Amino acid sequence: MKLNILTKKNIGFVTLLFIFGCKTYTIPVDSFKEQMIKAKSGNMKDVKINNPLTYGNIKYSSNNINRLIVIDKNGDKQYLYNSPSIEMRVTHRNGKKYILYFDTVILENDTLKGGRSRFIQGLTRQIPMDSIIKIEVQDGRKKFNYQN
């Protein structure tokens, strides 16, 4: 009986490490706006990534950002290179958090637009920039890779 309890606790601990083990970075909202000036809808490029569920490919439009200037937990500036597995968590003024895939995000007329799903391309979100209080990014380590 004790062995079962210890095993369940160990599995739970390993699961928590896996979930929270990804490095999370922040981007000040003003810095994000400056970095996104290049990522307008006219500057989107068509990309293809692998679909690990079906072993096929997914096609969508991606922004032109090569790397992001982010802040780590120690307050140091770091560079995070764009990839299909970079996830962005936006905290709204009302406390709600929204998750987007960073390479689908653009800034258009002071509105942040981006994709919420790799598999349902029409599932997008639009958030007014003046309602955003915090932006976090992390590599979700999903097995998405560019194919072109």
N, C-alpha and C. Protein backbone atom coordinates (compact mmCIF):
# COMPACT_ATOMS: atom_id res chain seq x y z
N MET A 1 0.82 -1.19 0.00
CA MET A 1 0.00 0.00 0.00
C MET A 1 0.86 1.25 0.00
N LYS A 2 1.92 1.27 0.83
CA LYS A 2 2.81 2.44 0.87
C LYS A 2 3.50 2.63 -0.47
N LEU A 3 3.86 1.55 -1.11
CA LEU A 3 4.53 1.62 -2.40
C LEU A 3 3.64 2.32 -3.43
N ASN A 4 2.35 1.99 -3.42
CA ASN A 4 1.43 2.62 -4.36
C ASN A 4 1.33 4.12 -4.12
N ILE A 5 1.29 4.56 -2.88
CA ILE A 5 1.20 5.98 -2.55
C ILE A 5 2.47 6.70 -2.99
N LEU A 6 3.64 6.08 -2.72
CA LEU A 6 4.90 6.69 -3.13
C LEU A 6 5.01 6.78 -4.63
N THR A 7 4.58 5.75 -5.31
CA THR A 7 4.65 5.75 -6.77
C THR A 7 3.75 6.85 -7.35
N LYS A 8 2.54 7.00 -6.81
CA LYS A 8 1.63 8.04 -7.29
C LYS A 8 2.21 9.42 -7.03
N LYS A 9 2.85 9.62 -5.86
CA LYS A 9 3.47 10.91 -5.56
C LYS A 9 4.62 11.19 -6.52
N ASN A 10 5.43 10.16 -6.81
CA ASN A 10 6.56 10.34 -7.73
C ASN A 10 6.07 10.68 -9.14
N ILE A 11 5.04 10.01 -9.58
CA ILE A 11 4.49 10.30 -10.91
C ILE A 11 3.95 11.72 -10.94
N GLY A 12 3.26 12.12 -9.89
CA GLY A 12 2.74 13.49 -9.82
C GLY A 12 3.86 14.52 -9.82
N PHE A 13 4.95 14.24 -9.08
CA PHE A 13 6.08 15.16 -9.02
C PHE A 13 6.76 15.28 -10.39
N VAL A 14 6.96 14.17 -11.06
CA VAL A 14 7.59 14.18 -12.39
C VAL A 14 6.70 14.94 -13.37
N THR A 15 5.40 14.74 -13.27
CA THR A 15 4.47 15.45 -14.15
C THR A 15 4.56 16.95 -13.92
N LEU A 16 4.60 17.38 -12.67
CA LEU A 16 4.72 18.81 -12.37
C LEU A 16 6.03 19.37 -12.89
N LEU A 17 7.12 18.62 -12.75
CA LEU A 17 8.41 19.09 -13.28
C LEU A 17 8.33 19.26 -14.79
N PHE A 18 7.68 18.32 -15.46
CA PHE A 18 7.56 18.40 -16.91
C PHE A 18 6.74 19.61 -17.33
N ILE A 19 5.64 19.84 -16.64
CA ILE A 19 4.76 20.95 -16.99
C ILE A 19 5.44 22.29 -16.73
N PHE A 20 6.08 22.41 -15.57
CA PHE A 20 6.65 23.69 -15.18
C PHE A 20 8.14 23.79 -15.48
N GLY A 21 8.70 22.81 -16.16
CA GLY A 21 10.13 22.80 -16.43
C GLY A 21 10.56 23.68 -17.58
N CYS A 22 9.62 24.16 -18.37
CA CYS A 22 9.97 25.02 -19.50
C CYS A 22 10.32 26.40 -18.98
N LYS A 23 11.37 26.98 -19.55
CA LYS A 23 11.74 28.35 -19.17
C LYS A 23 10.71 29.32 -19.72
N THR A 24 10.23 30.17 -18.83
CA THR A 24 9.27 31.19 -19.23
C THR A 24 9.97 32.54 -19.18
N TYR A 25 9.79 33.32 -20.23
CA TYR A 25 10.38 34.65 -20.33
C TYR A 25 9.26 35.67 -20.40
N THR A 26 9.57 36.88 -20.03
CA THR A 26 8.60 37.96 -20.18
C THR A 26 9.09 38.95 -21.23
N ILE A 27 8.17 39.68 -21.79
CA ILE A 27 8.48 40.76 -22.72
C ILE A 27 7.66 41.96 -22.27
N PRO A 28 8.31 43.06 -21.91
CA PRO A 28 7.52 44.26 -21.59
C PRO A 28 6.65 44.64 -22.78
N VAL A 29 5.44 45.09 -22.51
CA VAL A 29 4.48 45.37 -23.58
C VAL A 29 5.04 46.38 -24.59
N ASP A 30 5.71 47.43 -24.13
CA ASP A 30 6.29 48.42 -25.05
C ASP A 30 7.36 47.80 -25.94
N SER A 31 8.20 46.96 -25.35
CA SER A 31 9.24 46.27 -26.12
C SER A 31 8.62 45.35 -27.15
N PHE A 32 7.55 44.67 -26.76
CA PHE A 32 6.86 43.78 -27.69
C PHE A 32 6.32 44.56 -28.89
N LYS A 33 5.70 45.71 -28.62
CA LYS A 33 5.17 46.54 -29.72
C LYS A 33 6.27 46.91 -30.70
N GLU A 34 7.42 47.34 -30.17
CA GLU A 34 8.55 47.73 -31.03
C GLU A 34 9.02 46.55 -31.87
N GLN A 35 9.10 45.38 -31.27
CA GLN A 35 9.59 44.21 -31.99
C GLN A 35 8.59 43.71 -33.04
N MET A 36 7.32 43.99 -32.82
CA MET A 36 6.28 43.49 -33.72
C MET A 36 5.98 44.42 -34.90
N ILE A 37 6.60 45.58 -34.95
CA ILE A 37 6.34 46.52 -36.04
C ILE A 37 6.56 45.84 -37.40
N LYS A 38 7.53 44.96 -37.48
CA LYS A 38 7.83 44.26 -38.73
C LYS A 38 6.82 43.17 -39.05
N ALA A 39 6.06 42.72 -38.07
CA ALA A 39 5.19 41.56 -38.25
C ALA A 39 3.77 41.97 -38.64
N LYS A 40 3.61 42.73 -39.65
CA LYS A 40 2.30 43.13 -40.14
C LYS A 40 1.78 42.04 -41.07
N SER A 41 0.48 42.05 -41.31
CA SER A 41 -0.11 40.97 -42.11
C SER A 41 0.48 40.91 -43.52
N GLY A 42 0.92 42.03 -44.08
CA GLY A 42 1.52 42.02 -45.41
C GLY A 42 2.89 41.36 -45.43
N ASN A 43 3.50 41.20 -44.27
CA ASN A 43 4.82 40.59 -44.18
C ASN A 43 4.77 39.12 -43.77
N MET A 44 3.61 38.53 -43.82
CA MET A 44 3.49 37.13 -43.45
C MET A 44 4.07 36.26 -44.55
N LYS A 45 4.56 35.09 -44.16
CA LYS A 45 5.09 34.14 -45.13
C LYS A 45 4.38 32.80 -44.93
N ASP A 46 4.18 32.09 -46.01
CA ASP A 46 3.55 30.78 -45.92
C ASP A 46 4.58 29.76 -45.47
N VAL A 47 4.23 28.97 -44.46
CA VAL A 47 5.13 27.94 -43.95
C VAL A 47 4.39 26.62 -43.87
N LYS A 48 5.17 25.59 -43.74
CA LYS A 48 4.64 24.24 -43.59
C LYS A 48 5.36 23.60 -42.42
N ILE A 49 4.62 23.00 -41.49
CA ILE A 49 5.23 22.30 -40.37
C ILE A 49 4.72 20.87 -40.35
N ASN A 50 5.47 20.02 -39.68
CA ASN A 50 5.04 18.64 -39.54
C ASN A 50 3.86 18.56 -38.57
N ASN A 51 3.00 17.60 -38.77
CA ASN A 51 1.89 17.33 -37.86
C ASN A 51 2.21 16.02 -37.15
N PRO A 52 2.66 16.07 -35.89
CA PRO A 52 3.06 14.84 -35.20
C PRO A 52 1.92 13.86 -34.97
N LEU A 53 0.67 14.33 -35.06
CA LEU A 53 -0.46 13.42 -34.85
C LEU A 53 -0.77 12.57 -36.07
N THR A 54 -0.64 13.16 -37.26
CA THR A 54 -1.00 12.43 -38.48
C THR A 54 0.21 12.14 -39.37
N TYR A 55 1.36 12.62 -38.98
CA TYR A 55 2.60 12.48 -39.77
C TYR A 55 2.47 13.15 -41.13
N GLY A 56 1.56 14.10 -41.24
CA GLY A 56 1.42 14.90 -42.45
C GLY A 56 1.99 16.28 -42.19
N ASN A 57 1.51 17.27 -42.93
CA ASN A 57 1.97 18.64 -42.77
C ASN A 57 0.79 19.58 -42.56
N ILE A 58 1.07 20.69 -41.90
CA ILE A 58 0.10 21.75 -41.68
C ILE A 58 0.64 23.00 -42.35
N LYS A 59 -0.19 23.71 -43.12
CA LYS A 59 0.23 24.94 -43.77
C LYS A 59 -0.49 26.12 -43.13
N TYR A 60 0.23 27.22 -42.93
CA TYR A 60 -0.35 28.44 -42.38
C TYR A 60 0.57 29.61 -42.66
N SER A 61 0.10 30.82 -42.36
CA SER A 61 0.92 32.02 -42.53
C SER A 61 1.63 32.34 -41.23
N SER A 62 2.91 32.66 -41.33
CA SER A 62 3.75 32.93 -40.16
C SER A 62 4.33 34.34 -40.27
N ASN A 63 4.61 34.94 -39.10
CA ASN A 63 5.23 36.27 -39.12
C ASN A 63 6.71 36.16 -39.48
N ASN A 64 7.35 37.28 -39.74
CA ASN A 64 8.75 37.32 -40.19
C ASN A 64 9.75 37.49 -39.05
N ILE A 65 9.32 37.42 -37.82
CA ILE A 65 10.23 37.65 -36.69
C ILE A 65 11.19 36.46 -36.56
N ASN A 66 12.49 36.74 -36.58
CA ASN A 66 13.48 35.68 -36.42
C ASN A 66 13.77 35.37 -34.97
N ARG A 67 13.84 36.42 -34.15
CA ARG A 67 14.11 36.22 -32.74
C ARG A 67 13.46 37.31 -31.92
N LEU A 68 13.20 36.98 -30.69
CA LEU A 68 12.59 37.91 -29.74
C LEU A 68 13.61 38.30 -28.68
N ILE A 69 13.56 39.53 -28.27
CA ILE A 69 14.35 39.96 -27.11
C ILE A 69 13.43 39.80 -25.91
N VAL A 70 13.82 38.92 -24.99
CA VAL A 70 13.00 38.58 -23.84
C VAL A 70 13.79 38.82 -22.55
N ILE A 71 13.09 38.78 -21.43
CA ILE A 71 13.70 38.96 -20.12
C ILE A 71 13.53 37.66 -19.34
N ASP A 72 14.64 37.11 -18.81
CA ASP A 72 14.53 35.88 -18.03
C ASP A 72 14.15 36.18 -16.59
N LYS A 73 14.05 35.16 -15.76
CA LYS A 73 13.57 35.36 -14.38
C LYS A 73 14.55 36.16 -13.53
N ASN A 74 15.81 36.28 -13.97
CA ASN A 74 16.80 37.09 -13.24
C ASN A 74 16.84 38.54 -13.72
N GLY A 75 16.00 38.87 -14.70
CA GLY A 75 15.97 40.22 -15.24
C GLY A 75 16.98 40.47 -16.33
N ASP A 76 17.63 39.40 -16.82
CA ASP A 76 18.63 39.54 -17.88
C ASP A 76 17.99 39.41 -19.25
N LYS A 77 18.52 40.17 -20.21
CA LYS A 77 18.04 40.11 -21.58
C LYS A 77 18.55 38.83 -22.25
N GLN A 78 17.68 38.14 -22.93
CA GLN A 78 18.00 36.92 -23.67
C GLN A 78 17.38 37.01 -25.06
N TYR A 79 17.83 36.15 -25.95
CA TYR A 79 17.23 36.04 -27.27
C TYR A 79 16.55 34.68 -27.37
N LEU A 80 15.32 34.69 -27.83
CA LEU A 80 14.56 33.47 -28.05
C LEU A 80 14.24 33.41 -29.53
N TYR A 81 14.75 32.39 -30.19
CA TYR A 81 14.56 32.28 -31.63
C TYR A 81 13.18 31.70 -31.94
N ASN A 82 12.54 32.28 -32.93
CA ASN A 82 11.19 31.90 -33.31
C ASN A 82 11.18 30.48 -33.85
N SER A 83 10.16 29.75 -33.49
CA SER A 83 9.94 28.40 -34.01
C SER A 83 8.45 28.09 -33.85
N PRO A 84 7.96 27.04 -34.49
CA PRO A 84 6.53 26.74 -34.38
C PRO A 84 6.11 26.27 -32.99
N SER A 85 7.05 25.99 -32.11
CA SER A 85 6.69 25.54 -30.76
C SER A 85 6.71 26.65 -29.71
N ILE A 86 7.01 27.90 -30.12
CA ILE A 86 7.01 29.02 -29.17
C ILE A 86 5.57 29.43 -28.88
N GLU A 87 5.22 29.39 -27.61
CA GLU A 87 3.89 29.76 -27.17
C GLU A 87 3.94 31.10 -26.44
N MET A 88 2.89 31.84 -26.57
CA MET A 88 2.81 33.18 -25.98
C MET A 88 1.59 33.23 -25.08
N ARG A 89 1.79 33.68 -23.84
CA ARG A 89 0.68 33.82 -22.89
C ARG A 89 0.49 35.30 -22.62
N VAL A 90 -0.70 35.79 -22.93
CA VAL A 90 -1.03 37.20 -22.78
C VAL A 90 -2.00 37.34 -21.62
N THR A 91 -1.66 38.20 -20.67
CA THR A 91 -2.55 38.46 -19.54
C THR A 91 -3.30 39.76 -19.78
N HIS A 92 -4.60 39.64 -19.77
CA HIS A 92 -5.51 40.76 -20.00
C HIS A 92 -5.70 41.52 -18.70
N ARG A 93 -6.09 42.76 -18.79
CA ARG A 93 -6.31 43.61 -17.62
C ARG A 93 -7.30 42.98 -16.62
N ASN A 94 -8.27 42.22 -17.11
CA ASN A 94 -9.26 41.60 -16.22
C ASN A 94 -8.76 40.30 -15.59
N GLY A 95 -7.50 39.93 -15.85
CA GLY A 95 -6.90 38.73 -15.25
C GLY A 95 -6.96 37.50 -16.13
N LYS A 96 -7.74 37.54 -17.20
CA LYS A 96 -7.81 36.38 -18.09
C LYS A 96 -6.50 36.23 -18.84
N LYS A 97 -6.13 34.97 -19.09
CA LYS A 97 -4.91 34.67 -19.83
C LYS A 97 -5.28 33.97 -21.12
N TYR A 98 -4.62 34.38 -22.19
CA TYR A 98 -4.86 33.80 -23.50
C TYR A 98 -3.55 33.25 -24.04
N ILE A 99 -3.61 32.09 -24.67
CA ILE A 99 -2.41 31.46 -25.23
C ILE A 99 -2.51 31.47 -26.74
N LEU A 100 -1.42 31.91 -27.38
CA LEU A 100 -1.31 31.97 -28.83
C LEU A 100 0.01 31.35 -29.25
N TYR A 101 0.08 30.88 -30.47
CA TYR A 101 1.37 30.45 -31.02
C TYR A 101 2.07 31.69 -31.56
N PHE A 102 3.28 31.95 -31.07
CA PHE A 102 3.94 33.20 -31.38
C PHE A 102 4.13 33.43 -32.88
N ASP A 103 4.48 32.40 -33.64
CA ASP A 103 4.78 32.65 -35.05
C ASP A 103 3.55 33.02 -35.87
N THR A 104 2.36 32.95 -35.28
CA THR A 104 1.14 33.38 -35.99
C THR A 104 0.71 34.79 -35.59
N VAL A 105 1.41 35.40 -34.65
CA VAL A 105 1.00 36.67 -34.06
C VAL A 105 1.45 37.86 -34.92
N ILE A 106 0.52 38.80 -35.09
CA ILE A 106 0.85 40.08 -35.73
C ILE A 106 0.20 41.20 -34.92
N LEU A 107 0.71 42.39 -35.12
CA LEU A 107 0.14 43.59 -34.50
C LEU A 107 -0.44 44.43 -35.62
N GLU A 108 -1.75 44.66 -35.56
CA GLU A 108 -2.42 45.40 -36.62
C GLU A 108 -3.37 46.41 -36.00
N ASN A 109 -3.14 47.70 -36.26
CA ASN A 109 -3.98 48.77 -35.73
C ASN A 109 -4.15 48.66 -34.21
N ASP A 110 -3.05 48.50 -33.50
CA ASP A 110 -3.06 48.38 -32.04
C ASP A 110 -3.88 47.20 -31.53
N THR A 111 -4.02 46.18 -32.35
CA THR A 111 -4.70 44.95 -31.97
C THR A 111 -3.76 43.78 -32.23
N LEU A 112 -3.60 42.95 -31.22
CA LEU A 112 -2.79 41.74 -31.34
C LEU A 112 -3.67 40.64 -31.91
N LYS A 113 -3.23 40.01 -32.99
CA LYS A 113 -3.99 38.94 -33.62
C LYS A 113 -3.10 37.72 -33.71
N GLY A 114 -3.66 36.55 -33.42
CA GLY A 114 -2.86 35.34 -33.49
C GLY A 114 -3.68 34.07 -33.43
N GLY A 115 -3.01 32.97 -33.80
CA GLY A 115 -3.65 31.66 -33.82
C GLY A 115 -3.58 30.96 -32.48
N ARG A 116 -4.69 30.31 -32.14
CA ARG A 116 -4.76 29.58 -30.87
C ARG A 116 -4.56 28.09 -31.04
N SER A 117 -4.60 27.60 -32.28
CA SER A 117 -4.51 26.17 -32.51
C SER A 117 -3.73 25.90 -33.79
N ARG A 118 -2.98 24.83 -33.79
CA ARG A 118 -2.29 24.39 -35.01
C ARG A 118 -3.23 23.59 -35.90
N PHE A 119 -4.21 22.95 -35.31
CA PHE A 119 -5.03 22.01 -36.04
C PHE A 119 -6.32 22.61 -36.57
N ILE A 120 -6.80 23.68 -35.94
CA ILE A 120 -7.98 24.40 -36.41
C ILE A 120 -7.52 25.80 -36.78
N GLN A 121 -7.19 26.00 -38.04
CA GLN A 121 -6.57 27.24 -38.48
C GLN A 121 -7.43 28.48 -38.26
N GLY A 122 -8.73 28.35 -38.28
CA GLY A 122 -9.60 29.51 -38.10
C GLY A 122 -9.78 29.94 -36.65
N LEU A 123 -9.21 29.20 -35.74
CA LEU A 123 -9.35 29.50 -34.31
C LEU A 123 -8.31 30.55 -33.93
N THR A 124 -8.74 31.82 -33.96
CA THR A 124 -7.82 32.94 -33.70
C THR A 124 -8.36 33.79 -32.56
N ARG A 125 -7.53 34.71 -32.12
CA ARG A 125 -7.93 35.64 -31.05
C ARG A 125 -7.43 37.02 -31.44
N GLN A 126 -8.23 38.04 -31.10
CA GLN A 126 -7.85 39.44 -31.29
C GLN A 126 -7.94 40.12 -29.94
N ILE A 127 -6.83 40.77 -29.53
CA ILE A 127 -6.76 41.41 -28.22
C ILE A 127 -6.26 42.84 -28.39
N PRO A 128 -6.99 43.82 -27.90
CA PRO A 128 -6.50 45.21 -27.96
C PRO A 128 -5.22 45.34 -27.13
N MET A 129 -4.19 45.96 -27.70
CA MET A 129 -2.91 46.09 -27.00
C MET A 129 -3.02 46.88 -25.71
N ASP A 130 -3.92 47.85 -25.65
CA ASP A 130 -4.02 48.66 -24.43
C ASP A 130 -4.66 47.89 -23.27
N SER A 131 -5.18 46.69 -23.53
CA SER A 131 -5.76 45.88 -22.46
C SER A 131 -4.79 44.82 -21.93
N ILE A 132 -3.59 44.75 -22.52
CA ILE A 132 -2.61 43.73 -22.13
C ILE A 132 -1.71 44.29 -21.03
N ILE A 133 -1.57 43.52 -19.94
CA ILE A 133 -0.70 43.96 -18.84
C ILE A 133 0.57 43.12 -18.74
N LYS A 134 0.57 41.91 -19.34
CA LYS A 134 1.75 41.06 -19.24
C LYS A 134 1.83 40.13 -20.44
N ILE A 135 3.06 39.94 -20.94
CA ILE A 135 3.29 39.01 -22.04
C ILE A 135 4.40 38.06 -21.62
N GLU A 136 4.13 36.77 -21.72
CA GLU A 136 5.12 35.74 -21.41
C GLU A 136 5.26 34.83 -22.61
N VAL A 137 6.45 34.34 -22.84
CA VAL A 137 6.69 33.39 -23.91
C VAL A 137 7.51 32.22 -23.38
N GLN A 138 7.31 31.07 -24.01
CA GLN A 138 8.11 29.91 -23.67
C GLN A 138 8.12 28.94 -24.84
N ASP A 139 9.13 28.12 -24.88
CA ASP A 139 9.19 27.06 -25.88
C ASP A 139 8.41 25.90 -25.29
N GLY A 140 7.25 25.61 -25.87
CA GLY A 140 6.40 24.55 -25.38
C GLY A 140 6.97 23.16 -25.64
N ARG A 141 8.07 23.10 -26.38
CA ARG A 141 8.77 21.85 -26.70
C ARG A 141 7.89 20.83 -27.38
N LYS A 142 6.92 21.34 -28.11
CA LYS A 142 6.10 20.44 -28.92
C LYS A 142 6.90 20.08 -30.15
N LYS A 143 6.62 18.96 -30.71
CA LYS A 143 7.44 18.44 -31.80
C LYS A 143 7.03 19.00 -33.15
N PHE A 144 6.87 20.33 -33.22
CA PHE A 144 6.59 21.00 -34.47
C PHE A 144 7.90 21.51 -35.06
N ASN A 145 8.12 21.28 -36.33
CA ASN A 145 9.32 21.77 -37.03
C ASN A 145 8.91 22.30 -38.39
N TYR A 146 9.57 23.40 -38.82
CA TYR A 146 9.32 23.92 -40.15
C TYR A 146 9.80 22.91 -41.19
N GLN A 147 9.02 22.74 -42.25
CA GLN A 147 9.35 21.80 -43.32
C GLN A 147 9.89 22.47 -44.56
N ASN A 148 9.80 23.80 -44.63
CA ASN A 148 10.31 24.49 -45.83
C ASN A 148 11.31 25.54 -45.45
